Amino acid sequence: MASNGSIEILDLRHFAAPVLRAVLDAEGELWKERLHWDYRTSTKLLMQYLDSHMLPGYVAIEDGQVSGYVFCVYEETKAVIGDVFALPSAPSPPLSALRPGPASAFEIEETLLRHLFETLLNSPQLDRIESQLLLHPSGMHAAIFLEAGFRLYRRLFLVQQLRGLWNPPHVDLPHELELRAWRDDDLSPAGRLISEAYRDHPDSLINDQYRSNHGSQRFLHNIVRYSGCGVFAPQVSHVVVERRTRDLVALVLGSRVSPQSGHITQVCVRPDYRRRGIARQLLAVAAFHFMRQGVTEVSLTVTESNTTAIDLYKAEGYVCAHTFDAAVWERQRVG
């Protein structure tokens, strides 16, 4: 147990889901307001983990009530910081000499992160820590991450408004390729495609799952099978295959993140087929099928250093609605 002024920090595994309900509901409202995402599916999954009392992390207690939380998940020798959030502060009462005012949400989140960093950085089995706090604006917690030895990568949250897509887009692929809808048996070949497409890519610095077939498979299972980023939309998702070999050379995957919002969870093209307009056409196909489902806007995320992709997305009508930070820490082994 530790405290910071009037804040008490306790192990998250000591708490059942109902105790965090008010915090999770407030966070869901912020996801809806800031990103137009329905956070209820994520909340339901998180509450299941909380009720198992096995999710590593911490909660902040003020005046006997949970006011914030942070958690992570372990993947072999890596930890992924999943979230940090604190209840927005109520207007502070006049300060008195006897009792300080309540801590701000920012202060609570910083305190929670410090406790988690202390645990993770002193865990000898961990070689890597990753974090992408999508909800928090870029720079908000940058100082504490940098102080702990993380590298930061600024990312953009881009949004395209969907209007007038009543007819299917014209698809003009090289003659040896064909477009078809996503199938369940595409998971394994899609994993191989992603690991090949992201070799030496900026995003492979942020998410090391992209660096191997095994890691890419885990990434895809999280998106397709476990609603790791909204509810997977197979009608939106498409692949491009070689007619002769049936090998995948490109794909686009989409999820519903709210009744009116879709999200492109993945778009990639095999290196030998880039700069032929395939990614542009896949984005158009996904946008059309999203609109057929009643979606009025589509979002995606991209690393700021990936200027080629950003130029493509902006040419397709995407605009930057939000920025956030990805953070990576790696242990420096001697010898």
C-alpha atoms as a PDB file:
ATOM      1  CA  MET A   1       0.000   0.000   0.000  1.00  0.00           C
ATOM      2  CA  ALA A   2       1.212   3.499  -0.815  1.00  0.00           C
ATOM      3  CA  SER A   3      -0.218   6.982  -0.711  1.00  0.00           C
ATOM      4  CA  ASN A   4       0.294  10.388  -2.288  1.00  0.00           C
ATOM      5  CA  GLY A   5      -1.259  13.048  -0.094  1.00  0.00           C
ATOM      6  CA  SER A   6      -4.895  11.996   0.271  1.00  0.00           C
ATOM      7  CA  ILE A   7      -4.572   9.324  -2.450  1.00  0.00           C
ATOM      8  CA  GLU A   8      -4.159   5.699  -1.447  1.00  0.00           C
ATOM      9  CA  ILE A   9      -2.788   3.273  -4.062  1.00  0.00           C
ATOM     10  CA  LEU A  10      -3.791  -0.390  -3.791  1.00  0.00           C
ATOM     11  CA  ASP A  11      -3.374  -3.545  -5.867  1.00  0.00           C
ATOM     12  CA  LEU A  12      -6.050  -3.794  -8.569  1.00  0.00           C
ATOM     13  CA  ARG A  13      -6.401  -7.534  -7.963  1.00  0.00           C
ATOM     14  CA  HIS A  14      -8.015  -6.836  -4.591  1.00  0.00           C
ATOM     15  CA  PHE A  15     -11.056  -5.225  -6.224  1.00  0.00           C
ATOM     16  CA  ALA A  16     -14.078  -6.668  -8.012  1.00  0.00           C
ATOM     17  CA  ALA A  17     -15.561  -5.046 -11.098  1.00  0.00           C
ATOM     18  CA  PRO A  18     -18.593  -3.330  -9.458  1.00  0.00           C
ATOM     19  CA  VAL A  19     -16.289  -1.186  -7.311  1.00  0.00           C
ATOM     20  CA  LEU A  20     -14.797   0.355 -10.475  1.00  0.00           C
ATOM     21  CA  ARG A  21     -18.132   0.794 -12.248  1.00  0.00           C
ATOM     22  CA  ALA A  22     -18.353   4.572 -11.781  1.00  0.00           C
ATOM     23  CA  VAL A  23     -14.807   5.055 -13.094  1.00  0.00           C
ATOM     24  CA  LEU A  24     -15.414   2.803 -16.111  1.00  0.00           C
ATOM     25  CA  ASP A  25     -18.700   4.550 -16.927  1.00  0.00           C
ATOM     26  CA  ALA A  26     -17.018   7.962 -16.800  1.00  0.00           C
ATOM     27  CA  GLU A  27     -14.244   6.704 -19.052  1.00  0.00           C
ATOM     28  CA  GLY A  28     -16.829   5.356 -21.496  1.00  0.00           C
ATOM     29  CA  GLU A  29     -18.403   8.803 -21.727  1.00  0.00           C
ATOM     30  CA  LEU A  30     -15.027  10.316 -22.593  1.00  0.00           C
ATOM     31  CA  TRP A  31     -14.414   7.686 -25.313  1.00  0.00           C
ATOM     32  CA  LYS A  32     -17.802   8.604 -26.792  1.00  0.00           C
ATOM     33  CA  GLU A  33     -17.177  12.340 -26.610  1.00  0.00           C
ATOM     34  CA  ARG A  34     -13.560  12.422 -27.795  1.00  0.00           C
ATOM     35  CA  LEU A  35     -13.368   9.537 -30.294  1.00  0.00           C
ATOM     36  CA  HIS A  36     -17.038   8.623 -30.961  1.00  0.00           C
ATOM     37  CA  TRP A  37     -16.339   5.080 -29.720  1.00  0.00           C
ATOM     38  CA  ASP A  38     -18.779   2.935 -27.771  1.00  0.00           C
ATOM     39  CA  TYR A  39     -16.590   1.666 -24.940  1.00  0.00           C
ATOM     40  CA  ARG A  40     -19.163  -0.744 -23.487  1.00  0.00           C
ATOM     41  CA  THR A  41     -17.740  -3.864 -25.178  1.00  0.00           C
ATOM     42  CA  SER A  42     -14.286  -3.067 -23.799  1.00  0.00           C
ATOM     43  CA  THR A  43     -15.788  -2.312 -20.384  1.00  0.00           C
ATOM     44  CA  LYS A  44     -17.572  -5.663 -20.322  1.00  0.00           C
ATOM     45  CA  LEU A  45     -14.376  -7.529 -21.205  1.00  0.00           C
ATOM     46  CA  LEU A  46     -12.367  -5.562 -18.647  1.00  0.00           C
ATOM     47  CA  MET A  47     -14.924  -6.262 -15.918  1.00  0.00           C
ATOM     48  CA  GLN A  48     -14.632  -9.986 -16.601  1.00  0.00           C
ATOM     49  CA  TYR A  49     -10.871  -9.765 -16.066  1.00  0.00           C
ATOM     50  CA  LEU A  50     -11.376  -7.682 -12.918  1.00  0.00           C
ATOM     51  CA  ASP A  51     -13.720 -10.292 -11.466  1.00  0.00           C
ATOM     52  CA  SER A  52     -11.041 -12.945 -12.002  1.00  0.00           C
ATOM     53  CA  HIS A  53      -8.744 -10.927  -9.677  1.00  0.00           C
ATOM     54  CA  MET A  54      -5.801 -11.691 -11.957  1.00  0.00           C
ATOM     55  CA  LEU A  55      -5.331  -8.390 -13.815  1.00  0.00           C
ATOM     56  CA  PRO A  56      -2.078  -6.648 -12.778  1.00  0.00           C
ATOM     57  CA  GLY A  57      -2.417  -2.999 -11.907  1.00  0.00           C
ATOM     58  CA  TYR A  58      -3.367  -0.447  -9.277  1.00  0.00           C
ATOM     59  CA  VAL A  59      -6.360   1.587  -8.143  1.00  0.00           C
ATOM     60  CA  ALA A  60      -6.408   5.030  -6.532  1.00  0.00           C
ATOM     61  CA  ILE A  61      -8.653   5.518  -3.501  1.00  0.00           C
ATOM     62  CA  GLU A  62      -9.835   8.934  -2.345  1.00  0.00           C
ATOM     63  CA  ASP A  63     -12.189   9.322   0.623  1.00  0.00           C
ATOM     64  CA  GLY A  64     -12.923   5.608   0.497  1.00  0.00           C
ATOM     65  CA  GLN A  65     -13.914   5.626  -3.196  1.00  0.00           C
ATOM     66  CA  VAL A  66     -12.073   4.361  -6.280  1.00  0.00           C
ATOM     67  CA  SER A  67     -11.093   7.412  -8.328  1.00  0.00           C
ATOM     68  CA  GLY A  68      -8.767   5.849 -10.926  1.00  0.00           C
ATOM     69  CA  TYR A  69      -7.033   2.741 -12.161  1.00  0.00           C
ATOM     70  CA  VAL A  70      -4.190   1.483 -14.312  1.00  0.00           C
ATOM     71  CA  PHE A  71      -3.563  -2.001 -15.633  1.00  0.00           C
ATOM     72  CA  CYS A  72      -1.234  -3.995 -17.832  1.00  0.00           C
ATOM     73  CA  VAL A  73      -1.088  -7.442 -19.401  1.00  0.00           C
ATOM     74  CA  TYR A  74       1.911  -9.718 -19.698  1.00  0.00           C
ATOM     75  CA  GLU A  75       2.955 -11.401 -22.933  1.00  0.00           C
ATOM     76  CA  GLU A  76       5.921 -13.650 -22.189  1.00  0.00           C
ATOM     77  CA  THR A  77       8.810 -11.189 -21.571  1.00  0.00           C
ATOM     78  CA  LYS A  78       6.761  -8.114 -22.525  1.00  0.00           C
ATOM     79  CA  ALA A  79       4.206  -6.029 -20.639  1.00  0.00           C
ATOM     80  CA  VAL A  80       1.575  -3.914 -22.379  1.00  0.00           C
ATOM     81  CA  ILE A  81       0.101  -1.019 -20.412  1.00  0.00           C
ATOM     82  CA  GLY A  82      -3.550  -1.277 -21.350  1.00  0.00           C
ATOM     83  CA  ASP A  83      -5.034   1.837 -19.804  1.00  0.00           C
ATOM     84  CA  VAL A  84      -4.849   4.527 -17.153  1.00  0.00           C
ATOM     85  CA  PHE A  85      -7.809   6.689 -16.215  1.00  0.00           C
ATOM     86  CA  ALA A  86      -8.988   8.818 -13.307  1.00  0.00           C
ATOM     87  CA  LEU A  87     -12.321  10.446 -12.661  1.00  0.00           C
ATOM     88  CA  PRO A  88     -12.455  14.088 -13.729  1.00  0.00           C
ATOM     89  CA  SER A  89     -12.035  16.248 -10.641  1.00  0.00           C
ATOM     90  CA  ALA A  90     -14.997  17.965  -9.101  1.00  0.00           C
ATOM     91  CA  PRO A  91     -14.612  21.723  -8.580  1.00  0.00           C
ATOM     92  CA  SER A  92     -12.172  22.136  -5.722  1.00  0.00           C
ATOM     93  CA  PRO A  93     -13.526  23.585  -2.452  1.00  0.00           C
ATOM     94  CA  PRO A  94     -11.689  26.534  -0.931  1.00  0.00           C
ATOM     95  CA  LEU A  95      -8.330  25.382   0.362  1.00  0.00           C
ATOM     96  CA  SER A  96      -7.864  25.342   4.100  1.00  0.00           C
ATOM     97  CA  ALA A  97      -4.796  24.981   6.235  1.00  0.00           C
ATOM     98  CA  LEU A  98      -6.157  21.715   7.618  1.00  0.00           C
ATOM     99  CA  ARG A  99      -7.121  19.803   4.498  1.00  0.00           C
ATOM    100  CA  PRO A 100      -5.750  20.071   0.955  1.00  0.00           C
ATOM    101  CA  GLY A 101      -8.108  20.045  -2.019  1.00  0.00           C
ATOM    102  CA  PRO A 102      -8.693  16.879  -4.052  1.00  0.00           C
ATOM    103  CA  ALA A 103      -6.033  15.717  -6.485  1.00  0.00           C
ATOM    104  CA  SER A 104      -6.673  16.333 -10.165  1.00  0.00           C
ATOM    105  CA  ALA A 105      -7.316  13.487 -12.584  1.00  0.00           C
ATOM    106  CA  PHE A 106      -3.913  14.185 -14.141  1.00  0.00           C
ATOM    107  CA  GLU A 107      -2.154  13.868 -10.770  1.00  0.00           C
ATOM    108  CA  ILE A 108      -3.948  10.618  -9.985  1.00  0.00           C
ATOM    109  CA  GLU A 109      -3.054   9.136 -13.379  1.00  0.00           C
ATOM    110  CA  GLU A 110       0.585  10.162 -12.935  1.00  0.00           C
ATOM    111  CA  THR A 111       0.674   8.560  -9.488  1.00  0.00           C
ATOM    112  CA  LEU A 112      -0.826   5.350 -10.833  1.00  0.00           C
ATOM    113  CA  LEU A 113       1.662   5.251 -13.711  1.00  0.00           C
ATOM    114  CA  ARG A 114       4.589   5.769 -11.337  1.00  0.00           C
ATOM    115  CA  HIS A 115       3.519   2.797  -9.248  1.00  0.00           C
ATOM    116  CA  LEU A 116       3.082   0.620 -12.309  1.00  0.00           C
ATOM    117  CA  PHE A 117       6.457   1.699 -13.727  1.00  0.00           C
ATOM    118  CA  GLU A 118       8.137   0.845 -10.435  1.00  0.00           C
ATOM    119  CA  THR A 119       6.667  -2.654 -10.565  1.00  0.00           C
ATOM    120  CA  LEU A 120       7.430  -3.296 -14.224  1.00  0.00           C
ATOM    121  CA  LEU A 121      10.917  -1.791 -14.384  1.00  0.00           C
ATOM    122  CA  ASN A 122      11.937  -3.895 -11.388  1.00  0.00           C
ATOM    123  CA  SER A 123      10.590  -7.138 -12.874  1.00  0.00           C
ATOM    124  CA  PRO A 124      13.734  -8.917 -14.132  1.00  0.00           C
ATOM    125  CA  GLN A 125      11.767 -11.215 -16.439  1.00  0.00           C
ATOM    126  CA  LEU A 126      10.538  -8.248 -18.510  1.00  0.00           C
ATOM    127  CA  ASP A 127      12.603  -7.073 -21.465  1.00  0.00           C
ATOM    128  CA  ARG A 128      10.055  -4.753 -23.070  1.00  0.00           C
ATOM    129  CA  ILE A 129       7.108  -2.525 -22.145  1.00  0.00           C
ATOM    130  CA  GLU A 130       4.686  -1.050 -24.679  1.00  0.00           C
ATOM    131  CA  SER A 131       1.898   1.467 -24.266  1.00  0.00           C
ATOM    132  CA  GLN A 132      -0.581   3.200 -26.541  1.00  0.00           C
ATOM    133  CA  LEU A 133      -2.940   5.327 -24.475  1.00  0.00           C
ATOM    134  CA  LEU A 134      -5.289   6.228 -27.309  1.00  0.00           C
ATOM    135  CA  LEU A 135      -7.702   8.240 -25.182  1.00  0.00           C
ATOM    136  CA  HIS A 136      -5.058  10.618 -23.795  1.00  0.00           C
ATOM    137  CA  PRO A 137      -3.859  13.535 -25.969  1.00  0.00           C
ATOM    138  CA  SER A 138      -0.253  13.481 -27.134  1.00  0.00           C
ATOM    139  CA  GLY A 139       2.090  14.990 -24.576  1.00  0.00           C
ATOM    140  CA  MET A 140      -0.274  14.612 -21.633  1.00  0.00           C
ATOM    141  CA  HIS A 141       1.858  12.021 -19.814  1.00  0.00           C
ATOM    142  CA  ALA A 142       4.960  12.348 -21.970  1.00  0.00           C
ATOM    143  CA  ALA A 143       7.213  13.657 -19.205  1.00  0.00           C
ATOM    144  CA  ILE A 144       6.662  10.722 -16.860  1.00  0.00           C
ATOM    145  CA  PHE A 145       7.237   8.190 -19.644  1.00  0.00           C
ATOM    146  CA  LEU A 146      10.451   9.916 -20.743  1.00  0.00           C
ATOM    147  CA  GLU A 147      11.633  10.133 -17.140  1.00  0.00           C
ATOM    148  CA  ALA A 148      11.202   6.350 -16.849  1.00  0.00           C
ATOM    149  CA  GLY A 149      13.308   5.735 -19.958  1.00  0.00           C
ATOM    150  CA  PHE A 150      10.604   5.198 -22.580  1.00  0.00           C
ATOM    151  CA  ARG A 151      10.861   6.314 -26.198  1.00  0.00           C
ATOM    152  CA  LEU A 152       7.794   8.148 -27.483  1.00  0.00           C
ATOM    153  CA  TYR A 153       6.218   7.994 -30.929  1.00  0.00           C
ATOM    154  CA  ARG A 154       3.462  10.467 -31.771  1.00  0.00           C
ATOM    155  CA  ARG A 155       0.449   8.937 -33.496  1.00  0.00           C
ATOM    156  CA  LEU A 156      -2.485  10.479 -35.337  1.00  0.00           C
ATOM    157  CA  PHE A 157      -6.154   9.542 -35.082  1.00  0.00           C
ATOM    158  CA  LEU A 158      -7.610  10.322 -38.507  1.00  0.00           C
ATOM    159  CA  VAL A 159     -11.314  10.473 -39.390  1.00  0.00           C
ATOM    160  CA  GLN A 160     -13.130  10.411 -42.733  1.00  0.00           C
ATOM    161  CA  GLN A 161     -16.762  11.475 -43.053  1.00  0.00           C
ATOM    162  CA  LEU A 162     -18.793   9.146 -45.302  1.00  0.00           C
ATOM    163  CA  ARG A 163     -21.216  10.740 -47.727  1.00  0.00           C
ATOM    164  CA  GLY A 164     -22.762   9.721 -51.032  1.00  0.00           C
ATOM    165  CA  LEU A 165     -21.122   6.315 -51.418  1.00  0.00           C
ATOM    166  CA  TRP A 166     -24.169   4.726 -53.018  1.00  0.00           C
ATOM    167  CA  ASN A 167     -22.352   2.761 -55.724  1.00  0.00           C
ATOM    168  CA  PRO A 168     -19.509   0.272 -55.266  1.00  0.00           C
ATOM    169  CA  PRO A 169     -16.115   1.814 -56.032  1.00  0.00           C
ATOM    170  CA  HIS A 170     -14.409   0.877 -59.276  1.00  0.00           C
ATOM    171  CA  VAL A 171     -11.669  -1.653 -58.547  1.00  0.00           C
ATOM    172  CA  ASP A 172      -8.866  -1.796 -61.095  1.00  0.00           C
ATOM    173  CA  LEU A 173      -6.227  -4.273 -59.969  1.00  0.00           C
ATOM    174  CA  PRO A 174      -3.337  -5.776 -61.951  1.00  0.00           C
ATOM    175  CA  HIS A 175      -4.677  -8.659 -64.046  1.00  0.00           C
ATOM    176  CA  GLU A 176      -2.955 -11.291 -61.898  1.00  0.00           C
ATOM    177  CA  LEU A 177      -4.785 -10.162 -58.748  1.00  0.00           C
ATOM    178  CA  GLU A 178      -8.369 -10.413 -57.529  1.00  0.00           C
ATOM    179  CA  LEU A 179     -10.347  -8.903 -54.677  1.00  0.00           C
ATOM    180  CA  ARG A 180     -12.562 -10.986 -52.405  1.00  0.00           C
ATOM    181  CA  ALA A 181     -14.241 -10.756 -49.010  1.00  0.00           C
ATOM    182  CA  TRP A 182     -12.485 -11.832 -45.825  1.00  0.00           C
ATOM    183  CA  ARG A 183     -12.832 -15.501 -44.769  1.00  0.00           C
ATOM    184  CA  ASP A 184     -12.067 -17.142 -41.423  1.00  0.00           C
ATOM    185  CA  ASP A 185      -9.322 -19.243 -42.977  1.00  0.00           C
ATOM    186  CA  ASP A 186      -7.477 -16.051 -43.962  1.00  0.00           C
ATOM    187  CA  LEU A 187      -6.114 -15.638 -40.419  1.00  0.00           C
ATOM    188  CA  SER A 188      -2.915 -17.623 -40.909  1.00  0.00           C
ATOM    189  CA  PRO A 189      -1.908 -16.223 -44.326  1.00  0.00           C
ATOM    190  CA  ALA A 190      -2.882 -12.730 -43.143  1.00  0.00           C
ATOM    191  CA  GLY A 191      -0.434 -13.101 -40.263  1.00  0.00           C
ATOM    192  CA  ARG A 192       2.348 -13.916 -42.697  1.00  0.00           C
ATOM    193  CA  LEU A 193       1.395 -10.958 -44.887  1.00  0.00           C
ATOM    194  CA  ILE A 194       1.411  -8.512 -41.966  1.00  0.00           C
ATOM    195  CA  SER A 195       4.820  -9.616 -40.704  1.00  0.00           C
ATOM    196  CA  GLU A 196       6.224  -9.242 -44.232  1.00  0.00           C
ATOM    197  CA  ALA A 197       4.542  -5.894 -44.867  1.00  0.00           C
ATOM    198  CA  TYR A 198       5.743  -4.396 -41.572  1.00  0.00           C
ATOM    199  CA  ARG A 199       9.371  -5.436 -41.857  1.00  0.00           C
ATOM    200  CA  ASP A 200      11.459  -2.291 -41.128  1.00  0.00           C
ATOM    201  CA  HIS A 201       8.208  -0.339 -40.748  1.00  0.00           C
ATOM    202  CA  PRO A 202       7.831   2.442 -38.114  1.00  0.00           C
ATOM    203  CA  ASP A 203       4.941   0.572 -36.488  1.00  0.00           C
ATOM    204  CA  SER A 204       7.135  -2.472 -35.836  1.00  0.00           C
ATOM    205  CA  LEU A 205       9.106  -0.272 -33.434  1.00  0.00           C
ATOM    206  CA  ILE A 206       5.911   0.405 -31.490  1.00  0.00           C
ATOM    207  CA  ASN A 207       4.325  -3.064 -31.591  1.00  0.00           C
ATOM    208  CA  ASP A 208       6.784  -5.940 -31.778  1.00  0.00           C
ATOM    209  CA  GLN A 209       3.973  -8.346 -32.717  1.00  0.00           C
ATOM    210  CA  TYR A 210       4.401  -7.109 -36.288  1.00  0.00           C
ATOM    211  CA  ARG A 211       7.915  -8.539 -36.412  1.00  0.00           C
ATOM    212  CA  SER A 212       6.961 -12.229 -36.572  1.00  0.00           C
ATOM    213  CA  ASN A 213       4.278 -14.519 -37.956  1.00  0.00           C
ATOM    214  CA  HIS A 214       3.440 -15.670 -34.428  1.00  0.00           C
ATOM    215  CA  GLY A 215       3.071 -12.123 -33.139  1.00  0.00           C
ATOM    216  CA  SER A 216       0.972 -11.061 -36.124  1.00  0.00           C
ATOM    217  CA  GLN A 217      -1.318 -14.035 -35.503  1.00  0.00           C
ATOM    218  CA  ARG A 218      -1.876 -12.871 -31.922  1.00  0.00           C
ATOM    219  CA  PHE A 219      -2.594  -9.360 -33.163  1.00  0.00           C
ATOM    220  CA  LEU A 220      -5.167 -10.682 -35.655  1.00  0.00           C
ATOM    221  CA  HIS A 221      -6.856 -13.000 -33.149  1.00  0.00           C
ATOM    222  CA  ASN A 222      -7.276 -10.042 -30.795  1.00  0.00           C
ATOM    223  CA  ILE A 223      -8.978  -8.028 -33.545  1.00  0.00           C
ATOM    224  CA  VAL A 224     -11.020 -10.721 -35.270  1.00  0.00           C
ATOM    225  CA  ARG A 225     -11.929 -13.145 -32.494  1.00  0.00           C
ATOM    226  CA  TYR A 226     -11.840 -11.154 -29.261  1.00  0.00           C
ATOM    227  CA  SER A 227     -13.158  -7.677 -30.183  1.00  0.00           C
ATOM    228  CA  GLY A 228      -9.844  -6.080 -29.247  1.00  0.00           C
ATOM    229  CA  CYS A 229     -10.727  -2.994 -31.274  1.00  0.00           C
ATOM    230  CA  GLY A 230     -14.492  -2.794 -31.576  1.00  0.00           C
ATOM    231  CA  VAL A 231     -16.627  -5.521 -33.149  1.00  0.00           C
ATOM    232  CA  PHE A 232     -14.976  -7.072 -36.183  1.00  0.00           C
ATOM    233  CA  ALA A 233     -16.870  -6.366 -39.424  1.00  0.00           C
ATOM    234  CA  PRO A 234     -16.263  -9.225 -41.886  1.00  0.00           C
ATOM    235  CA  GLN A 235     -18.521  -7.573 -44.494  1.00  0.00           C
ATOM    236  CA  VAL A 236     -16.157  -4.588 -44.568  1.00  0.00           C
ATOM    237  CA  SER A 237     -12.920  -6.589 -44.535  1.00  0.00           C
ATOM    238  CA  HIS A 238     -11.373  -7.699 -47.831  1.00  0.00           C
ATOM    239  CA  VAL A 239      -8.216  -9.289 -49.166  1.00  0.00           C
ATOM    240  CA  VAL A 240      -6.370  -9.178 -52.483  1.00  0.00           C
ATOM    241  CA  VAL A 241      -4.938 -12.506 -53.658  1.00  0.00           C
ATOM    242  CA  GLU A 242      -2.783 -13.700 -56.533  1.00  0.00           C
ATOM    243  CA  ARG A 243      -4.948 -15.679 -58.943  1.00  0.00           C
ATOM    244  CA  ARG A 244      -2.306 -18.338 -59.604  1.00  0.00           C
ATOM    245  CA  THR A 245      -0.883 -18.994 -56.129  1.00  0.00           C
ATOM    246  CA  ARG A 246      -3.866 -17.752 -54.043  1.00  0.00           C
ATOM    247  CA  ASP A 247      -1.330 -15.952 -51.836  1.00  0.00           C
ATOM    248  CA  LEU A 248      -2.513 -12.830 -50.006  1.00  0.00           C
ATOM    249  CA  VAL A 249      -0.840  -9.655 -51.209  1.00  0.00           C
ATOM    250  CA  ALA A 250      -2.982  -7.026 -49.485  1.00  0.00           C
ATOM    251  CA  LEU A 251      -5.813  -6.660 -46.989  1.00  0.00           C
ATOM    252  CA  VAL A 252      -8.056  -4.216 -45.199  1.00  0.00           C
ATOM    253  CA  LEU A 253      -9.793  -5.046 -41.915  1.00  0.00           C
ATOM    254  CA  GLY A 254     -12.554  -3.033 -40.281  1.00  0.00           C
ATOM    255  CA  SER A 255     -14.487  -2.995 -37.008  1.00  0.00           C
ATOM    256  CA  ARG A 256     -17.588  -1.223 -35.712  1.00  0.00           C
ATOM    257  CA  VAL A 257     -16.684   0.937 -32.729  1.00  0.00           C
ATOM    258  CA  SER A 258     -20.147   2.502 -32.348  1.00  0.00           C
ATOM    259  CA  PRO A 259     -23.409   2.519 -34.312  1.00  0.00           C
ATOM    260  CA  GLN A 260     -22.203   5.479 -36.399  1.00  0.00           C
ATOM    261  CA  SER A 261     -18.439   4.878 -36.404  1.00  0.00           C
ATOM    262  CA  GLY A 262     -16.186   2.349 -38.077  1.00  0.00           C
ATOM    263  CA  HIS A 263     -12.466   1.849 -37.627  1.00  0.00           C
ATOM    264  CA  ILE A 264      -9.842   0.541 -40.041  1.00  0.00           C
ATOM    265  CA  THR A 265      -7.883  -1.817 -37.808  1.00  0.00           C
ATOM    266  CA  GLN A 266      -5.403  -2.857 -40.495  1.00  0.00           C
ATOM    267  CA  VAL A 267      -4.501  -2.035 -44.076  1.00  0.00           C
ATOM    268  CA  CYS A 268      -1.314  -3.361 -45.629  1.00  0.00           C
ATOM    269  CA  VAL A 269       0.180  -4.304 -48.990  1.00  0.00           C
ATOM    270  CA  ARG A 270       3.033  -6.706 -49.691  1.00  0.00           C
ATOM    271  CA  PRO A 271       6.172  -4.696 -50.579  1.00  0.00           C
ATOM    272  CA  ASP A 272       6.399  -5.941 -54.181  1.00  0.00           C
ATOM    273  CA  TYR A 273       2.872  -4.672 -54.920  1.00  0.00           C
ATOM    274  CA  ARG A 274       3.125  -1.217 -53.377  1.00  0.00           C
ATOM    275  CA  ARG A 275       2.627   2.036 -55.276  1.00  0.00           C
ATOM    276  CA  ARG A 276       0.011   0.493 -57.561  1.00  0.00           C
ATOM    277  CA  GLY A 277      -3.013   2.101 -55.899  1.00  0.00           C
ATOM    278  CA  ILE A 278      -4.071  -1.092 -54.082  1.00  0.00           C
ATOM    279  CA  ALA A 279      -4.255   0.446 -50.594  1.00  0.00           C
ATOM    280  CA  ARG A 280      -6.297   3.367 -51.930  1.00  0.00           C
ATOM    281  CA  GLN A 281      -8.788   0.981 -53.531  1.00  0.00           C
ATOM    282  CA  LEU A 282      -9.050  -1.145 -50.377  1.00  0.00           C
ATOM    283  CA  LEU A 283      -9.853   1.956 -48.323  1.00  0.00           C
ATOM    284  CA  ALA A 284     -12.584   2.874 -50.816  1.00  0.00           C
ATOM    285  CA  VAL A 285     -14.046  -0.642 -50.678  1.00  0.00           C
ATOM    286  CA  ALA A 286     -14.084  -0.575 -46.873  1.00  0.00           C
ATOM    287  CA  ALA A 287     -15.687   2.886 -46.804  1.00  0.00           C
ATOM    288  CA  PHE A 288     -18.452   1.752 -49.161  1.00  0.00           C
ATOM    289  CA  HIS A 289     -19.292  -1.326 -47.083  1.00  0.00           C
ATOM    290  CA  PHE A 290     -19.157   0.671 -43.851  1.00  0.00           C
ATOM    291  CA  MET A 291     -21.676   3.138 -45.267  1.00  0.00           C
ATOM    292  CA  ARG A 292     -23.963   0.268 -46.305  1.00  0.00           C
ATOM    293  CA  GLN A 293     -24.025  -0.671 -42.610  1.00  0.00           C
ATOM    294  CA  GLY A 294     -25.153   2.822 -41.624  1.00  0.00           C
ATOM    295  CA  VAL A 295     -21.738   4.103 -40.572  1.00  0.00           C
ATOM    296  CA  THR A 296     -21.243   7.843 -41.096  1.00  0.00           C
ATOM    297  CA  GLU A 297     -17.537   8.139 -40.221  1.00  0.00           C
ATOM    298  CA  VAL A 298     -14.443   5.945 -40.355  1.00  0.00           C
ATOM    299  CA  SER A 299     -11.283   6.349 -38.320  1.00  0.00           C
ATOM    300  CA  LEU A 300      -7.772   4.905 -38.366  1.00  0.00           C
ATOM    301  CA  THR A 301      -4.480   5.499 -36.581  1.00  0.00           C
ATOM    302  CA  VAL A 302      -1.061   6.107 -38.088  1.00  0.00           C
ATOM    303  CA  THR A 303       2.397   6.923 -36.746  1.00  0.00           C
ATOM    304  CA  GLU A 304       3.412  10.517 -37.462  1.00  0.00           C
ATOM    305  CA  SER A 305       6.704   9.454 -39.066  1.00  0.00           C
ATOM    306  CA  ASN A 306       4.838   7.352 -41.666  1.00  0.00           C
ATOM    307  CA  THR A 307       4.406  10.308 -44.000  1.00  0.00           C
ATOM    308  CA  THR A 308       3.675   8.216 -47.104  1.00  0.00           C
ATOM    309  CA  ALA A 309       0.628   6.640 -45.457  1.00  0.00           C
ATOM    310  CA  ILE A 310      -0.517   9.971 -44.037  1.00  0.00           C
ATOM    311  CA  ASP A 311      -0.406  11.553 -47.496  1.00  0.00           C
ATOM    312  CA  LEU A 312      -2.557   8.704 -48.843  1.00  0.00           C
ATOM    313  CA  TYR A 313      -5.111   8.968 -46.053  1.00  0.00           C
ATOM    314  CA  LYS A 314      -5.431  12.735 -46.380  1.00  0.00           C
ATOM    315  CA  ALA A 315      -5.861  12.385 -50.145  1.00  0.00           C
ATOM    316  CA  GLU A 316      -8.762  10.022 -49.402  1.00  0.00           C
ATOM    317  CA  GLY A 317     -10.441  12.628 -47.207  1.00  0.00           C
ATOM    318  CA  TYR A 318      -9.149  11.728 -43.746  1.00  0.00           C
ATOM    319  CA  VAL A 319      -8.422  14.580 -41.340  1.00  0.00           C
ATOM    320  CA  CYS A 320      -6.598  14.530 -38.006  1.00  0.00           C
ATOM    321  CA  ALA A 321      -9.069  14.625 -35.128  1.00  0.00           C
ATOM    322  CA  HIS A 322      -6.783  13.644 -32.241  1.00  0.00           C
ATOM    323  CA  THR A 323      -3.164  12.799 -31.449  1.00  0.00           C
ATOM    324  CA  PHE A 324      -1.777  10.413 -28.853  1.00  0.00           C
ATOM    325  CA  ASP A 325       1.530   8.845 -27.836  1.00  0.00           C
ATOM    326  CA  ALA A 326       2.899   5.352 -28.180  1.00  0.00           C
ATOM    327  CA  ALA A 327       5.653   4.541 -25.693  1.00  0.00           C
ATOM    328  CA  VAL A 328       8.267   1.770 -25.684  1.00  0.00           C
ATOM    329  CA  TRP A 329      10.800   0.752 -23.030  1.00  0.00           C
ATOM    330  CA  GLU A 330      13.445  -1.919 -23.627  1.00  0.00           C
ATOM    331  CA  ARG A 331      15.807  -3.354 -21.065  1.00  0.00           C
ATOM    332  CA  GLN A 332      19.456  -2.860 -21.846  1.00  0.00           C
ATOM    333  CA  ARG A 333      21.148  -6.217 -21.286  1.00  0.00           C
ATOM    334  CA  VAL A 334      24.883  -6.230 -20.537  1.00  0.00           C
ATOM    335  CA  GLY A 335      27.030  -8.665 -22.520  1.00  0.00           C
END
